[in-house]
Amino acid sequence: MSQAINLTGHCLCKAIKIEVSDVKPHMEACHCSSCRNWGGGPLLGIDCGTHVTLTSVDDVSVFDSSDWPQRGFCRHCGSHLFYRLKENQQYIMPVGLFDIPEEVKVEFNCQIFSDQKPNYYEFANQTKMMTGDEVFAAFAPQE
């Protein structure tokens, strides 16, 4: 079981600093068409929960990418900062934003929207594979 860690990072131009706490060092790949359109490939992200601090929030542009999530960008350099669920303010953030200490091993443990992954790339890592329907079923609000 991975120990929860605290991470710091920043956007490309360093206008926005990021601090997250109590996150599991687990990385997921999202193959949905929105993530691929957003970044030109799959989103390699860390679920940062709700314990996220962004400095210079005036420098953050937010786009409502659908009814339930938002995507955040640095308005200066365009760095992708987050994918945030509107309902609970849960952040999924690109792993590349963070200064991850050498001794921390980030585990690539899951690929989501595997049913939307194009055939022009394939990861060698053995991970859990979830289709879009499986993702929605797993993370749907409990009634």
N, C-alpha and C. Protein backbone atom coordinates (compact mmCIF):
# COMPACT_ATOMS: atom_id res chain seq x y z
N MET A 1 0.85 -1.18 0.00
CA MET A 1 0.00 0.00 0.00
C MET A 1 0.89 1.24 0.00
N SER A 2 0.65 2.15 -0.90
CA SER A 2 1.45 3.36 -1.01
C SER A 2 1.09 4.35 0.08
N GLN A 3 2.12 4.99 0.59
CA GLN A 3 1.96 6.03 1.61
C GLN A 3 1.50 7.33 0.95
N ALA A 4 0.56 8.04 1.57
CA ALA A 4 0.13 9.35 1.05
C ALA A 4 1.28 10.33 1.17
N ILE A 5 1.40 11.21 0.18
CA ILE A 5 2.50 12.17 0.14
C ILE A 5 1.98 13.58 -0.11
N ASN A 6 2.83 14.56 0.12
CA ASN A 6 2.57 15.95 -0.23
C ASN A 6 3.46 16.28 -1.42
N LEU A 7 2.93 17.06 -2.35
CA LEU A 7 3.70 17.42 -3.54
C LEU A 7 3.60 18.92 -3.80
N THR A 8 4.62 19.45 -4.44
CA THR A 8 4.60 20.84 -4.91
C THR A 8 4.95 20.84 -6.39
N GLY A 9 4.51 21.87 -7.07
CA GLY A 9 4.80 21.98 -8.49
C GLY A 9 4.46 23.37 -8.98
N HIS A 10 4.44 23.51 -10.28
CA HIS A 10 4.17 24.82 -10.89
C HIS A 10 3.87 24.65 -12.36
N CYS A 11 3.31 25.70 -12.94
CA CYS A 11 3.07 25.72 -14.38
C CYS A 11 4.40 26.01 -15.09
N LEU A 12 4.40 25.99 -16.40
CA LEU A 12 5.61 26.17 -17.19
C LEU A 12 6.29 27.51 -16.93
N CYS A 13 5.52 28.59 -16.81
CA CYS A 13 6.11 29.92 -16.60
C CYS A 13 6.32 30.23 -15.12
N LYS A 14 5.89 29.33 -14.25
CA LYS A 14 6.02 29.44 -12.79
C LYS A 14 5.18 30.57 -12.18
N ALA A 15 4.21 31.08 -12.92
CA ALA A 15 3.29 32.08 -12.37
C ALA A 15 2.38 31.46 -11.32
N ILE A 16 2.07 30.18 -11.48
CA ILE A 16 1.16 29.49 -10.57
C ILE A 16 1.92 28.37 -9.88
N LYS A 17 1.92 28.43 -8.56
CA LYS A 17 2.53 27.39 -7.74
C LYS A 17 1.41 26.49 -7.23
N ILE A 18 1.72 25.22 -7.06
CA ILE A 18 0.73 24.22 -6.67
C ILE A 18 1.23 23.47 -5.45
N GLU A 19 0.35 23.26 -4.47
CA GLU A 19 0.63 22.40 -3.33
C GLU A 19 -0.54 21.45 -3.16
N VAL A 20 -0.23 20.17 -3.02
CA VAL A 20 -1.27 19.17 -2.76
C VAL A 20 -0.82 18.34 -1.56
N SER A 21 -1.78 17.88 -0.79
CA SER A 21 -1.43 17.09 0.39
C SER A 21 -2.23 15.81 0.44
N ASP A 22 -1.62 14.83 1.07
CA ASP A 22 -2.27 13.53 1.31
C ASP A 22 -2.75 12.85 0.03
N VAL A 23 -1.89 12.81 -0.98
CA VAL A 23 -2.26 12.12 -2.21
C VAL A 23 -1.50 10.80 -2.31
N LYS A 24 -2.12 9.83 -2.90
CA LYS A 24 -1.47 8.55 -3.17
C LYS A 24 -0.62 8.73 -4.43
N PRO A 25 0.60 8.21 -4.42
CA PRO A 25 1.44 8.35 -5.62
C PRO A 25 1.04 7.34 -6.70
N HIS A 26 -0.19 7.48 -7.17
CA HIS A 26 -0.75 6.62 -8.20
C HIS A 26 -1.08 7.49 -9.41
N MET A 27 -0.65 7.06 -10.56
CA MET A 27 -0.93 7.78 -11.80
C MET A 27 -1.89 6.97 -12.64
N GLU A 28 -2.82 7.66 -13.26
CA GLU A 28 -3.76 7.02 -14.18
C GLU A 28 -3.64 7.69 -15.54
N ALA A 29 -3.94 6.94 -16.57
CA ALA A 29 -4.02 7.49 -17.92
C ALA A 29 -5.48 7.54 -18.32
N CYS A 30 -5.91 8.69 -18.82
CA CYS A 30 -7.27 8.82 -19.33
C CYS A 30 -7.19 8.93 -20.85
N HIS A 31 -7.90 8.02 -21.52
CA HIS A 31 -7.88 7.95 -22.98
C HIS A 31 -9.12 8.58 -23.60
N CYS A 32 -9.96 9.27 -22.83
CA CYS A 32 -11.19 9.81 -23.41
C CYS A 32 -10.85 10.84 -24.49
N SER A 33 -11.77 11.02 -25.39
CA SER A 33 -11.52 11.94 -26.50
C SER A 33 -11.31 13.37 -26.03
N SER A 34 -11.96 13.77 -24.94
CA SER A 34 -11.78 15.14 -24.42
C SER A 34 -10.36 15.36 -23.90
N CYS A 35 -9.83 14.40 -23.14
CA CYS A 35 -8.46 14.53 -22.63
C CYS A 35 -7.46 14.52 -23.78
N ARG A 36 -7.67 13.65 -24.76
CA ARG A 36 -6.75 13.59 -25.89
C ARG A 36 -6.81 14.87 -26.70
N ASN A 37 -8.00 15.46 -26.84
CA ASN A 37 -8.13 16.72 -27.55
C ASN A 37 -7.50 17.87 -26.77
N TRP A 38 -7.61 17.81 -25.45
CA TRP A 38 -7.07 18.84 -24.57
C TRP A 38 -5.56 18.89 -24.63
N GLY A 39 -4.91 17.72 -24.61
CA GLY A 39 -3.46 17.70 -24.50
C GLY A 39 -2.73 17.03 -25.64
N GLY A 40 -3.43 16.58 -26.67
CA GLY A 40 -2.77 15.94 -27.78
C GLY A 40 -2.42 14.49 -27.54
N GLY A 41 -2.82 13.94 -26.42
CA GLY A 41 -2.56 12.55 -26.06
C GLY A 41 -3.29 12.25 -24.78
N PRO A 42 -3.09 11.07 -24.21
CA PRO A 42 -3.80 10.75 -22.98
C PRO A 42 -3.35 11.64 -21.83
N LEU A 43 -4.24 11.90 -20.89
CA LEU A 43 -3.89 12.63 -19.68
C LEU A 43 -3.25 11.65 -18.71
N LEU A 44 -2.03 11.93 -18.29
CA LEU A 44 -1.37 11.16 -17.25
C LEU A 44 -1.53 11.96 -15.97
N GLY A 45 -2.45 11.55 -15.13
CA GLY A 45 -2.83 12.36 -13.99
C GLY A 45 -2.76 11.67 -12.65
N ILE A 46 -2.70 12.52 -11.63
CA ILE A 46 -2.75 12.07 -10.24
C ILE A 46 -4.03 12.62 -9.62
N ASP A 47 -4.77 11.76 -8.95
CA ASP A 47 -5.97 12.19 -8.23
C ASP A 47 -5.51 12.92 -6.98
N CYS A 48 -5.68 14.23 -6.96
CA CYS A 48 -5.22 15.06 -5.84
C CYS A 48 -6.32 15.35 -4.84
N GLY A 49 -7.49 14.76 -5.04
CA GLY A 49 -8.57 14.98 -4.10
C GLY A 49 -8.96 16.45 -4.05
N THR A 50 -9.22 16.92 -2.84
CA THR A 50 -9.66 18.30 -2.66
C THR A 50 -8.64 19.15 -1.90
N HIS A 51 -7.52 18.56 -1.52
CA HIS A 51 -6.50 19.27 -0.75
C HIS A 51 -5.49 19.91 -1.70
N VAL A 52 -5.95 20.90 -2.46
CA VAL A 52 -5.13 21.55 -3.48
C VAL A 52 -5.08 23.04 -3.22
N THR A 53 -3.88 23.61 -3.26
CA THR A 53 -3.71 25.05 -3.14
C THR A 53 -3.00 25.56 -4.39
N LEU A 54 -3.61 26.53 -5.05
CA LEU A 54 -3.03 27.18 -6.21
C LEU A 54 -2.76 28.63 -5.85
N THR A 55 -1.51 29.10 -6.06
CA THR A 55 -1.23 30.51 -5.86
C THR A 55 -1.62 31.27 -7.12
N SER A 56 -1.75 32.56 -7.01
CA SER A 56 -2.06 33.41 -8.17
C SER A 56 -3.31 32.93 -8.90
N VAL A 57 -4.40 32.72 -8.16
CA VAL A 57 -5.62 32.20 -8.77
C VAL A 57 -6.16 33.13 -9.86
N ASP A 58 -5.78 34.39 -9.85
CA ASP A 58 -6.19 35.30 -10.92
C ASP A 58 -5.54 34.93 -12.25
N ASP A 59 -4.47 34.15 -12.20
CA ASP A 59 -3.78 33.71 -13.41
C ASP A 59 -4.32 32.39 -13.94
N VAL A 60 -5.35 31.84 -13.28
CA VAL A 60 -5.94 30.58 -13.70
C VAL A 60 -7.20 30.85 -14.52
N SER A 61 -7.26 30.29 -15.72
CA SER A 61 -8.47 30.33 -16.54
C SER A 61 -9.16 28.99 -16.39
N VAL A 62 -10.48 29.02 -16.26
CA VAL A 62 -11.26 27.79 -16.07
C VAL A 62 -12.25 27.67 -17.22
N PHE A 63 -12.32 26.46 -17.76
CA PHE A 63 -13.22 26.15 -18.87
C PHE A 63 -14.15 25.03 -18.44
N ASP A 64 -15.47 25.25 -18.57
CA ASP A 64 -16.44 24.18 -18.30
C ASP A 64 -16.45 23.24 -19.50
N SER A 65 -15.77 22.10 -19.37
CA SER A 65 -15.64 21.20 -20.52
C SER A 65 -16.87 20.32 -20.73
N SER A 66 -17.73 20.24 -19.73
CA SER A 66 -19.05 19.61 -19.89
C SER A 66 -19.88 20.00 -18.67
N ASP A 67 -21.00 19.33 -18.47
CA ASP A 67 -21.86 19.66 -17.34
C ASP A 67 -21.23 19.37 -16.00
N TRP A 68 -20.30 18.40 -15.93
CA TRP A 68 -19.78 17.99 -14.63
C TRP A 68 -18.31 18.29 -14.37
N PRO A 69 -17.42 18.46 -15.35
CA PRO A 69 -16.04 18.84 -15.00
C PRO A 69 -15.64 20.20 -15.55
N GLN A 70 -14.58 20.73 -14.98
CA GLN A 70 -13.93 21.94 -15.46
C GLN A 70 -12.46 21.62 -15.70
N ARG A 71 -11.85 22.37 -16.59
CA ARG A 71 -10.42 22.24 -16.85
C ARG A 71 -9.79 23.60 -16.61
N GLY A 72 -8.63 23.58 -15.95
CA GLY A 72 -7.94 24.81 -15.61
C GLY A 72 -6.63 24.94 -16.35
N PHE A 73 -6.30 26.19 -16.71
CA PHE A 73 -5.10 26.50 -17.48
C PHE A 73 -4.42 27.72 -16.86
N CYS A 74 -3.13 27.85 -17.07
CA CYS A 74 -2.44 29.11 -16.76
C CYS A 74 -2.73 30.07 -17.90
N ARG A 75 -3.21 31.26 -17.58
CA ARG A 75 -3.56 32.21 -18.63
C ARG A 75 -2.33 32.83 -19.29
N HIS A 76 -1.15 32.60 -18.74
CA HIS A 76 0.08 33.14 -19.34
C HIS A 76 0.75 32.14 -20.27
N CYS A 77 1.05 30.95 -19.76
CA CYS A 77 1.81 29.98 -20.56
C CYS A 77 0.93 28.87 -21.15
N GLY A 78 -0.32 28.77 -20.71
CA GLY A 78 -1.22 27.75 -21.25
C GLY A 78 -1.10 26.38 -20.62
N SER A 79 -0.24 26.22 -19.61
CA SER A 79 -0.09 24.91 -18.97
C SER A 79 -1.43 24.38 -18.50
N HIS A 80 -1.64 23.10 -18.70
CA HIS A 80 -2.83 22.44 -18.20
C HIS A 80 -2.62 22.21 -16.71
N LEU A 81 -3.51 22.74 -15.89
CA LEU A 81 -3.36 22.67 -14.44
C LEU A 81 -4.21 21.60 -13.79
N PHE A 82 -5.44 21.46 -14.23
CA PHE A 82 -6.32 20.49 -13.58
C PHE A 82 -7.53 20.16 -14.40
N TYR A 83 -8.08 19.02 -14.04
CA TYR A 83 -9.40 18.56 -14.43
C TYR A 83 -10.12 18.47 -13.10
N ARG A 84 -11.20 19.23 -12.91
CA ARG A 84 -11.87 19.31 -11.60
C ARG A 84 -13.33 18.95 -11.75
N LEU A 85 -13.79 18.02 -10.89
CA LEU A 85 -15.20 17.66 -10.85
C LEU A 85 -15.97 18.76 -10.13
N LYS A 86 -17.01 19.26 -10.75
CA LYS A 86 -17.77 20.38 -10.18
C LYS A 86 -18.46 20.01 -8.87
N GLU A 87 -19.03 18.80 -8.81
CA GLU A 87 -19.85 18.41 -7.66
C GLU A 87 -19.07 18.40 -6.35
N ASN A 88 -17.87 17.81 -6.36
CA ASN A 88 -17.14 17.69 -5.09
C ASN A 88 -15.79 18.40 -5.09
N GLN A 89 -15.48 19.13 -6.18
CA GLN A 89 -14.22 19.89 -6.27
C GLN A 89 -12.99 19.00 -6.19
N GLN A 90 -13.09 17.78 -6.70
CA GLN A 90 -11.98 16.83 -6.75
C GLN A 90 -11.11 17.17 -7.95
N TYR A 91 -9.80 17.26 -7.72
CA TYR A 91 -8.83 17.62 -8.75
C TYR A 91 -8.08 16.40 -9.26
N ILE A 92 -7.99 16.27 -10.57
CA ILE A 92 -7.08 15.35 -11.22
C ILE A 92 -6.07 16.26 -11.92
N MET A 93 -4.80 16.07 -11.62
CA MET A 93 -3.79 17.00 -12.13
C MET A 93 -2.70 16.26 -12.91
N PRO A 94 -2.21 16.87 -13.98
CA PRO A 94 -1.14 16.23 -14.75
C PRO A 94 0.08 15.96 -13.87
N VAL A 95 0.58 14.73 -13.93
CA VAL A 95 1.71 14.34 -13.08
C VAL A 95 2.95 15.18 -13.38
N GLY A 96 3.10 15.65 -14.60
CA GLY A 96 4.28 16.41 -14.99
C GLY A 96 4.39 17.79 -14.35
N LEU A 97 3.33 18.26 -13.71
CA LEU A 97 3.39 19.55 -13.02
C LEU A 97 4.21 19.50 -11.74
N PHE A 98 4.38 18.29 -11.20
CA PHE A 98 4.93 18.16 -9.85
C PHE A 98 6.42 17.84 -9.83
N ASP A 99 7.07 18.38 -8.82
CA ASP A 99 8.47 18.09 -8.53
C ASP A 99 8.47 16.86 -7.63
N ILE A 100 8.52 15.68 -8.20
CA ILE A 100 8.41 14.45 -7.44
C ILE A 100 9.80 14.01 -7.00
N PRO A 101 9.99 13.89 -5.69
CA PRO A 101 11.31 13.47 -5.19
C PRO A 101 11.73 12.12 -5.77
N GLU A 102 13.02 11.97 -5.99
CA GLU A 102 13.58 10.76 -6.59
C GLU A 102 13.18 9.49 -5.83
N GLU A 103 13.06 9.60 -4.50
CA GLU A 103 12.76 8.41 -3.70
C GLU A 103 11.28 8.00 -3.76
N VAL A 104 10.43 8.85 -4.31
CA VAL A 104 9.00 8.53 -4.42
C VAL A 104 8.75 7.79 -5.72
N LYS A 105 8.19 6.61 -5.61
CA LYS A 105 7.84 5.83 -6.80
C LYS A 105 6.36 6.06 -7.10
N VAL A 106 6.09 6.64 -8.25
CA VAL A 106 4.71 6.83 -8.69
C VAL A 106 4.30 5.59 -9.47
N GLU A 107 3.24 4.96 -9.00
CA GLU A 107 2.76 3.72 -9.61
C GLU A 107 1.72 4.03 -10.69
N PHE A 108 1.97 3.57 -11.89
CA PHE A 108 1.01 3.68 -13.00
C PHE A 108 0.06 2.51 -12.85
N ASN A 109 -1.15 2.77 -12.32
CA ASN A 109 -1.99 1.65 -11.91
C ASN A 109 -3.32 1.49 -12.63
N CYS A 110 -3.71 2.45 -13.47
CA CYS A 110 -5.02 2.31 -14.10
C CYS A 110 -5.09 3.14 -15.37
N GLN A 111 -5.85 2.63 -16.34
CA GLN A 111 -6.15 3.37 -17.55
C GLN A 111 -7.67 3.43 -17.68
N ILE A 112 -8.19 4.64 -17.82
CA ILE A 112 -9.64 4.79 -17.90
C ILE A 112 -10.05 5.23 -19.31
N PHE A 113 -11.31 4.97 -19.61
CA PHE A 113 -11.86 5.17 -20.95
C PHE A 113 -11.02 4.38 -21.97
N SER A 114 -10.67 3.17 -21.58
CA SER A 114 -9.86 2.31 -22.44
C SER A 114 -10.60 1.98 -23.74
N ASP A 115 -11.93 2.06 -23.71
CA ASP A 115 -12.72 1.81 -24.91
C ASP A 115 -12.61 2.94 -25.92
N GLN A 116 -12.06 4.11 -25.51
CA GLN A 116 -11.89 5.24 -26.41
C GLN A 116 -10.43 5.41 -26.86
N LYS A 117 -9.54 4.54 -26.39
CA LYS A 117 -8.12 4.65 -26.74
C LYS A 117 -7.94 4.33 -28.22
N PRO A 118 -7.27 5.22 -28.95
CA PRO A 118 -7.02 4.92 -30.35
C PRO A 118 -5.96 3.83 -30.48
N ASN A 119 -5.86 3.25 -31.65
CA ASN A 119 -4.92 2.13 -31.83
C ASN A 119 -3.50 2.58 -32.16
N TYR A 120 -3.22 3.87 -32.20
CA TYR A 120 -1.88 4.32 -32.59
C TYR A 120 -0.90 4.45 -31.43
N TYR A 121 -1.28 4.09 -30.22
CA TYR A 121 -0.33 4.00 -29.11
C TYR A 121 -0.77 2.90 -28.16
N GLU A 122 0.19 2.41 -27.38
CA GLU A 122 -0.08 1.36 -26.40
C GLU A 122 0.96 1.47 -25.29
N PHE A 123 0.53 1.45 -24.04
CA PHE A 123 1.46 1.46 -22.91
C PHE A 123 1.90 0.04 -22.61
N ALA A 124 3.14 -0.10 -22.22
CA ALA A 124 3.69 -1.42 -21.89
C ALA A 124 3.30 -1.86 -20.48
N ASN A 125 3.01 -0.91 -19.59
CA ASN A 125 2.67 -1.25 -18.21
C ASN A 125 1.39 -2.08 -18.15
N GLN A 126 1.35 -3.03 -17.24
CA GLN A 126 0.15 -3.81 -16.99
C GLN A 126 -0.66 -3.06 -15.94
N THR A 127 -1.83 -2.58 -16.32
CA THR A 127 -2.67 -1.80 -15.42
C THR A 127 -4.10 -2.30 -15.48
N LYS A 128 -4.90 -1.85 -14.56
CA LYS A 128 -6.33 -2.07 -14.62
C LYS A 128 -6.86 -1.28 -15.82
N MET A 129 -7.77 -1.85 -16.57
CA MET A 129 -8.36 -1.19 -17.73
C MET A 129 -9.85 -1.02 -17.47
N MET A 130 -10.35 0.23 -17.57
CA MET A 130 -11.76 0.52 -17.34
C MET A 130 -12.34 1.23 -18.56
N THR A 131 -13.47 0.73 -19.05
CA THR A 131 -14.17 1.40 -20.15
C THR A 131 -14.88 2.63 -19.59
N GLY A 132 -15.40 3.47 -20.48
CA GLY A 132 -16.14 4.64 -20.03
C GLY A 132 -17.33 4.28 -19.16
N ASP A 133 -18.08 3.25 -19.55
CA ASP A 133 -19.23 2.83 -18.74
C ASP A 133 -18.80 2.38 -17.36
N GLU A 134 -17.67 1.67 -17.27
CA GLU A 134 -17.18 1.21 -15.98
C GLU A 134 -16.74 2.39 -15.09
N VAL A 135 -16.13 3.40 -15.71
CA VAL A 135 -15.73 4.60 -14.95
C VAL A 135 -16.95 5.29 -14.37
N PHE A 136 -17.95 5.52 -15.21
CA PHE A 136 -19.16 6.20 -14.72
C PHE A 136 -19.86 5.40 -13.63
N ALA A 137 -19.90 4.09 -13.76
CA ALA A 137 -20.52 3.24 -12.74
C ALA A 137 -19.72 3.30 -11.43
N ALA A 138 -18.41 3.31 -11.51
CA ALA A 138 -17.57 3.31 -10.30
C ALA A 138 -17.60 4.62 -9.56
N PHE A 139 -17.74 5.72 -10.27
CA PHE A 139 -17.62 7.03 -9.65
C PHE A 139 -18.92 7.82 -9.61
N ALA A 140 -20.03 7.19 -9.94
CA ALA A 140 -21.33 7.84 -9.90
C ALA A 140 -21.71 8.18 -8.47
N PRO A 141 -22.36 9.31 -8.25
CA PRO A 141 -22.80 9.65 -6.89
C PRO A 141 -23.70 8.55 -6.34
N GLN A 142 -23.50 8.21 -5.08
CA GLN A 142 -24.32 7.18 -4.44
C GLN A 142 -25.62 7.82 -3.98
N GLU A 143 -26.72 7.20 -4.35
CA GLU A 143 -28.03 7.75 -3.98
C GLU A 143 -28.62 7.03 -2.82
